[in-house]
Amino acid sequence: MIRITIYKDKNKDYVGLKALGHAGAARYGSDVVCAAVSVLITNTFNAIESLTEETLKCKTDESRGLMAVKFNKTPGSQAALLMDALVLGLKAVEAQHYNRGYIRLNFKEV
């Protein structure tokens, strides 16, 4: 199962994200759930780095299915909009596969 936690501060501003695990929907290399989550997260943070002035700390470990990203400061409106779009996409993947236990999306205040 992929467990994704979106971190926000007390003002509801994004702080970061951690995704851990593999969906297990299919064998390695053919798992469309893992691929969807990976593409959504990777594209969002590539867009934030390329299209905004935000800076991020990233950590990955493919064997564990780890993608962790933390904003260096409170993100501006463009980065927040990109994060909102990411959450929308992740919720859609979760809803499509919820009863199968492939992905769980959580929000945590830090």
N, C-alpha and C. Protein backbone atom coordinates (compact mmCIF):
# COMPACT_ATOMS: atom_id res chain seq x y z
N MET A 1 0.83 -1.17 0.00
CA MET A 1 0.00 0.00 0.00
C MET A 1 0.89 1.25 0.00
N ILE A 2 0.46 2.25 -0.75
CA ILE A 2 1.14 3.54 -0.74
C ILE A 2 0.43 4.41 0.29
N ARG A 3 1.18 4.87 1.26
CA ARG A 3 0.64 5.77 2.27
C ARG A 3 1.21 7.16 2.00
N ILE A 4 0.31 8.09 1.74
CA ILE A 4 0.74 9.45 1.41
C ILE A 4 0.24 10.38 2.50
N THR A 5 1.15 11.17 3.04
CA THR A 5 0.78 12.17 4.04
C THR A 5 1.13 13.54 3.48
N ILE A 6 0.15 14.42 3.48
CA ILE A 6 0.33 15.82 3.10
C ILE A 6 0.44 16.60 4.40
N TYR A 7 1.54 17.32 4.57
CA TYR A 7 1.77 18.09 5.78
C TYR A 7 1.42 19.55 5.55
N LYS A 8 0.63 20.10 6.49
CA LYS A 8 0.28 21.51 6.48
C LYS A 8 0.53 22.10 7.86
N ASP A 9 0.76 23.40 7.91
CA ASP A 9 0.96 24.03 9.21
C ASP A 9 -0.38 24.49 9.77
N LYS A 10 -0.34 25.15 10.92
CA LYS A 10 -1.58 25.57 11.58
C LYS A 10 -2.37 26.59 10.76
N ASN A 11 -1.71 27.27 9.81
CA ASN A 11 -2.38 28.23 8.93
C ASN A 11 -2.91 27.57 7.66
N LYS A 12 -2.80 26.25 7.59
CA LYS A 12 -3.24 25.44 6.44
C LYS A 12 -2.35 25.62 5.21
N ASP A 13 -1.13 26.15 5.41
CA ASP A 13 -0.16 26.26 4.33
C ASP A 13 0.58 24.94 4.20
N TYR A 14 0.91 24.57 2.97
CA TYR A 14 1.63 23.33 2.73
C TYR A 14 3.03 23.41 3.31
N VAL A 15 3.45 22.30 3.91
CA VAL A 15 4.80 22.17 4.46
C VAL A 15 5.58 21.14 3.66
N GLY A 16 4.91 20.05 3.25
CA GLY A 16 5.58 19.00 2.50
C GLY A 16 4.69 17.80 2.28
N LEU A 17 5.33 16.72 1.87
CA LEU A 17 4.62 15.49 1.52
C LEU A 17 5.56 14.31 1.74
N LYS A 18 4.96 13.20 2.15
CA LYS A 18 5.72 11.95 2.23
C LYS A 18 4.85 10.84 1.66
N ALA A 19 5.39 10.12 0.69
CA ALA A 19 4.74 8.95 0.13
C ALA A 19 5.65 7.76 0.41
N LEU A 20 5.09 6.68 0.91
CA LEU A 20 5.90 5.52 1.26
C LEU A 20 5.15 4.24 0.91
N GLY A 21 5.84 3.35 0.25
CA GLY A 21 5.29 2.04 -0.05
C GLY A 21 5.00 1.85 -1.53
N HIS A 22 4.59 0.66 -1.86
CA HIS A 22 4.23 0.29 -3.22
C HIS A 22 2.79 -0.20 -3.20
N ALA A 23 2.06 0.09 -4.26
CA ALA A 23 0.64 -0.26 -4.30
C ALA A 23 0.42 -1.77 -4.29
N GLY A 24 1.23 -2.49 -5.04
CA GLY A 24 1.03 -3.93 -5.13
C GLY A 24 -0.16 -4.29 -6.00
N ALA A 25 -0.54 -3.38 -6.91
CA ALA A 25 -1.68 -3.65 -7.79
C ALA A 25 -1.30 -4.59 -8.93
N ALA A 26 0.00 -4.66 -9.23
CA ALA A 26 0.51 -5.53 -10.30
C ALA A 26 2.00 -5.73 -10.03
N ARG A 27 2.62 -6.57 -10.85
CA ARG A 27 4.05 -6.81 -10.65
C ARG A 27 4.85 -5.55 -10.95
N TYR A 28 6.05 -5.50 -10.41
CA TYR A 28 6.93 -4.35 -10.58
C TYR A 28 7.09 -4.03 -12.07
N GLY A 29 6.95 -2.77 -12.40
CA GLY A 29 7.07 -2.34 -13.78
C GLY A 29 5.75 -2.29 -14.53
N SER A 30 4.72 -2.91 -13.96
CA SER A 30 3.40 -2.94 -14.61
C SER A 30 2.30 -2.36 -13.71
N ASP A 31 2.69 -1.80 -12.58
CA ASP A 31 1.72 -1.33 -11.60
C ASP A 31 1.27 0.09 -11.94
N VAL A 32 0.06 0.21 -12.48
CA VAL A 32 -0.43 1.52 -12.92
C VAL A 32 -0.75 2.44 -11.74
N VAL A 33 -1.08 1.89 -10.58
CA VAL A 33 -1.35 2.72 -9.41
C VAL A 33 -0.06 3.39 -8.95
N CYS A 34 1.01 2.60 -8.83
CA CYS A 34 2.31 3.18 -8.46
C CYS A 34 2.75 4.20 -9.50
N ALA A 35 2.56 3.88 -10.76
CA ALA A 35 2.96 4.80 -11.82
C ALA A 35 2.18 6.11 -11.73
N ALA A 36 0.89 6.03 -11.50
CA ALA A 36 0.06 7.24 -11.41
C ALA A 36 0.52 8.13 -10.26
N VAL A 37 0.74 7.53 -9.10
CA VAL A 37 1.18 8.30 -7.94
C VAL A 37 2.55 8.91 -8.19
N SER A 38 3.46 8.13 -8.72
CA SER A 38 4.81 8.62 -9.00
C SER A 38 4.80 9.79 -9.98
N VAL A 39 4.03 9.66 -11.04
CA VAL A 39 3.96 10.72 -12.04
C VAL A 39 3.34 11.98 -11.45
N LEU A 40 2.26 11.84 -10.71
CA LEU A 40 1.62 13.01 -10.11
C LEU A 40 2.58 13.76 -9.19
N ILE A 41 3.24 13.02 -8.31
CA ILE A 41 4.14 13.67 -7.34
C ILE A 41 5.36 14.25 -8.04
N THR A 42 5.99 13.46 -8.88
CA THR A 42 7.21 13.93 -9.56
C THR A 42 6.92 15.14 -10.43
N ASN A 43 5.85 15.10 -11.21
CA ASN A 43 5.52 16.23 -12.08
C ASN A 43 5.20 17.49 -11.27
N THR A 44 4.49 17.33 -10.18
CA THR A 44 4.14 18.49 -9.36
C THR A 44 5.39 19.17 -8.82
N PHE A 45 6.31 18.38 -8.27
CA PHE A 45 7.48 19.01 -7.67
C PHE A 45 8.47 19.50 -8.73
N ASN A 46 8.51 18.85 -9.87
CA ASN A 46 9.31 19.39 -10.98
C ASN A 46 8.72 20.72 -11.44
N ALA A 47 7.40 20.81 -11.53
CA ALA A 47 6.74 22.05 -11.92
C ALA A 47 6.99 23.16 -10.90
N ILE A 48 6.90 22.82 -9.63
CA ILE A 48 7.15 23.82 -8.59
C ILE A 48 8.57 24.36 -8.71
N GLU A 49 9.53 23.47 -8.88
CA GLU A 49 10.93 23.91 -8.99
C GLU A 49 11.19 24.69 -10.27
N SER A 50 10.53 24.32 -11.36
CA SER A 50 10.78 24.96 -12.66
C SER A 50 9.97 26.24 -12.88
N LEU A 51 8.77 26.29 -12.36
CA LEU A 51 7.86 27.37 -12.69
C LEU A 51 7.65 28.40 -11.57
N THR A 52 8.19 28.10 -10.40
CA THR A 52 8.08 29.06 -9.29
C THR A 52 9.49 29.31 -8.74
N GLU A 53 9.56 30.16 -7.77
CA GLU A 53 10.84 30.45 -7.13
C GLU A 53 11.03 29.67 -5.83
N GLU A 54 10.18 28.70 -5.61
CA GLU A 54 10.25 27.89 -4.39
C GLU A 54 11.47 26.98 -4.42
N THR A 55 11.98 26.68 -3.24
CA THR A 55 13.05 25.69 -3.11
C THR A 55 12.55 24.57 -2.21
N LEU A 56 12.99 23.37 -2.54
CA LEU A 56 12.51 22.17 -1.87
C LEU A 56 13.67 21.29 -1.43
N LYS A 57 13.42 20.50 -0.42
CA LYS A 57 14.33 19.41 -0.04
C LYS A 57 13.62 18.12 -0.44
N CYS A 58 14.30 17.28 -1.19
CA CYS A 58 13.69 16.03 -1.67
C CYS A 58 14.53 14.84 -1.23
N LYS A 59 13.84 13.75 -0.94
CA LYS A 59 14.49 12.49 -0.59
C LYS A 59 13.70 11.37 -1.25
N THR A 60 14.42 10.46 -1.90
CA THR A 60 13.74 9.32 -2.53
C THR A 60 14.50 8.04 -2.24
N ASP A 61 13.77 6.95 -2.25
CA ASP A 61 14.34 5.61 -2.13
C ASP A 61 13.38 4.68 -2.87
N GLU A 62 13.73 4.37 -4.11
CA GLU A 62 12.84 3.59 -4.97
C GLU A 62 12.50 2.22 -4.38
N SER A 63 13.47 1.58 -3.73
CA SER A 63 13.21 0.24 -3.19
C SER A 63 12.13 0.25 -2.12
N ARG A 64 12.05 1.33 -1.35
CA ARG A 64 11.03 1.46 -0.30
C ARG A 64 9.79 2.19 -0.79
N GLY A 65 9.87 2.75 -1.99
CA GLY A 65 8.75 3.54 -2.49
C GLY A 65 8.64 4.86 -1.76
N LEU A 66 9.77 5.45 -1.42
CA LEU A 66 9.79 6.70 -0.64
C LEU A 66 9.97 7.90 -1.55
N MET A 67 9.09 8.87 -1.39
CA MET A 67 9.23 10.18 -1.99
C MET A 67 8.86 11.17 -0.89
N ALA A 68 9.83 11.93 -0.42
CA ALA A 68 9.58 12.90 0.64
C ALA A 68 10.06 14.26 0.16
N VAL A 69 9.20 15.26 0.33
CA VAL A 69 9.52 16.61 -0.11
C VAL A 69 9.10 17.58 0.97
N LYS A 70 9.97 18.56 1.22
CA LYS A 70 9.67 19.58 2.21
C LYS A 70 9.99 20.95 1.62
N PHE A 71 9.05 21.88 1.77
CA PHE A 71 9.30 23.25 1.34
C PHE A 71 10.27 23.91 2.30
N ASN A 72 11.19 24.71 1.78
CA ASN A 72 12.15 25.42 2.62
C ASN A 72 11.50 26.61 3.33
N LYS A 73 10.39 27.11 2.78
CA LYS A 73 9.62 28.17 3.43
C LYS A 73 8.17 28.02 2.99
N THR A 74 7.29 28.78 3.58
CA THR A 74 5.88 28.71 3.20
C THR A 74 5.75 28.99 1.71
N PRO A 75 5.12 28.08 0.98
CA PRO A 75 5.01 28.27 -0.48
C PRO A 75 4.07 29.41 -0.84
N GLY A 76 4.38 30.04 -1.97
CA GLY A 76 3.53 31.10 -2.50
C GLY A 76 2.29 30.53 -3.16
N SER A 77 1.48 31.42 -3.73
CA SER A 77 0.19 31.01 -4.29
C SER A 77 0.34 30.08 -5.49
N GLN A 78 1.36 30.25 -6.31
CA GLN A 78 1.53 29.36 -7.47
C GLN A 78 1.86 27.94 -7.02
N ALA A 79 2.78 27.82 -6.08
CA ALA A 79 3.13 26.49 -5.57
C ALA A 79 1.95 25.86 -4.83
N ALA A 80 1.22 26.67 -4.10
CA ALA A 80 0.04 26.15 -3.39
C ALA A 80 -1.00 25.65 -4.38
N LEU A 81 -1.18 26.35 -5.48
CA LEU A 81 -2.12 25.90 -6.51
C LEU A 81 -1.67 24.57 -7.12
N LEU A 82 -0.39 24.44 -7.38
CA LEU A 82 0.14 23.17 -7.90
C LEU A 82 -0.06 22.04 -6.89
N MET A 83 0.12 22.34 -5.61
CA MET A 83 -0.11 21.33 -4.57
C MET A 83 -1.60 20.97 -4.50
N ASP A 84 -2.48 21.96 -4.64
CA ASP A 84 -3.92 21.67 -4.66
C ASP A 84 -4.25 20.73 -5.81
N ALA A 85 -3.64 20.97 -6.97
CA ALA A 85 -3.86 20.10 -8.13
C ALA A 85 -3.33 18.69 -7.86
N LEU A 86 -2.18 18.59 -7.19
CA LEU A 86 -1.65 17.27 -6.82
C LEU A 86 -2.63 16.54 -5.92
N VAL A 87 -3.12 17.21 -4.90
CA VAL A 87 -4.06 16.59 -3.97
C VAL A 87 -5.31 16.12 -4.72
N LEU A 88 -5.81 16.93 -5.63
CA LEU A 88 -6.97 16.55 -6.44
C LEU A 88 -6.70 15.26 -7.20
N GLY A 89 -5.53 15.17 -7.83
CA GLY A 89 -5.16 13.96 -8.57
C GLY A 89 -5.01 12.75 -7.67
N LEU A 90 -4.36 12.93 -6.53
CA LEU A 90 -4.17 11.82 -5.60
C LEU A 90 -5.50 11.33 -5.04
N LYS A 91 -6.41 12.26 -4.75
CA LYS A 91 -7.73 11.86 -4.26
C LYS A 91 -8.48 11.05 -5.32
N ALA A 92 -8.32 11.42 -6.57
CA ALA A 92 -8.98 10.68 -7.65
C ALA A 92 -8.43 9.26 -7.74
N VAL A 93 -7.12 9.11 -7.64
CA VAL A 93 -6.51 7.77 -7.67
C VAL A 93 -6.98 6.96 -6.47
N GLU A 94 -6.99 7.59 -5.29
CA GLU A 94 -7.44 6.91 -4.08
C GLU A 94 -8.90 6.46 -4.22
N ALA A 95 -9.75 7.34 -4.71
CA ALA A 95 -11.18 7.01 -4.85
C ALA A 95 -11.39 5.85 -5.82
N GLN A 96 -10.62 5.84 -6.87
CA GLN A 96 -10.75 4.78 -7.87
C GLN A 96 -10.31 3.42 -7.33
N HIS A 97 -9.39 3.43 -6.37
CA HIS A 97 -8.81 2.18 -5.88
C HIS A 97 -8.99 2.00 -4.37
N TYR A 98 -9.90 2.75 -3.75
CA TYR A 98 -10.00 2.78 -2.29
C TYR A 98 -10.25 1.41 -1.67
N ASN A 99 -11.21 0.69 -2.17
CA ASN A 99 -11.57 -0.60 -1.57
C ASN A 99 -10.53 -1.68 -1.80
N ARG A 100 -9.57 -1.43 -2.65
CA ARG A 100 -8.54 -2.42 -2.93
C ARG A 100 -7.32 -2.26 -2.04
N GLY A 101 -7.26 -1.19 -1.28
CA GLY A 101 -6.16 -1.00 -0.34
C GLY A 101 -4.82 -0.68 -0.98
N TYR A 102 -4.84 -0.05 -2.13
CA TYR A 102 -3.58 0.27 -2.82
C TYR A 102 -2.98 1.60 -2.38
N ILE A 103 -3.83 2.53 -1.95
CA ILE A 103 -3.36 3.87 -1.62
C ILE A 103 -4.24 4.48 -0.52
N ARG A 104 -3.59 5.18 0.40
CA ARG A 104 -4.30 5.94 1.45
C ARG A 104 -3.67 7.32 1.51
N LEU A 105 -4.51 8.34 1.49
CA LEU A 105 -4.09 9.72 1.54
C LEU A 105 -4.51 10.31 2.88
N ASN A 106 -3.57 10.90 3.59
CA ASN A 106 -3.84 11.50 4.89
C ASN A 106 -3.29 12.92 4.92
N PHE A 107 -3.85 13.72 5.81
CA PHE A 107 -3.39 15.09 6.01
C PHE A 107 -2.99 15.22 7.47
N LYS A 108 -1.88 15.92 7.71
CA LYS A 108 -1.39 16.06 9.07
C LYS A 108 -0.93 17.49 9.31
N GLU A 109 -1.33 18.06 10.44
CA GLU A 109 -0.87 19.39 10.81
C GLU A 109 0.44 19.26 11.58
N VAL A 110 1.42 20.04 11.16
CA VAL A 110 2.72 20.02 11.85
C VAL A 110 3.12 21.42 12.29
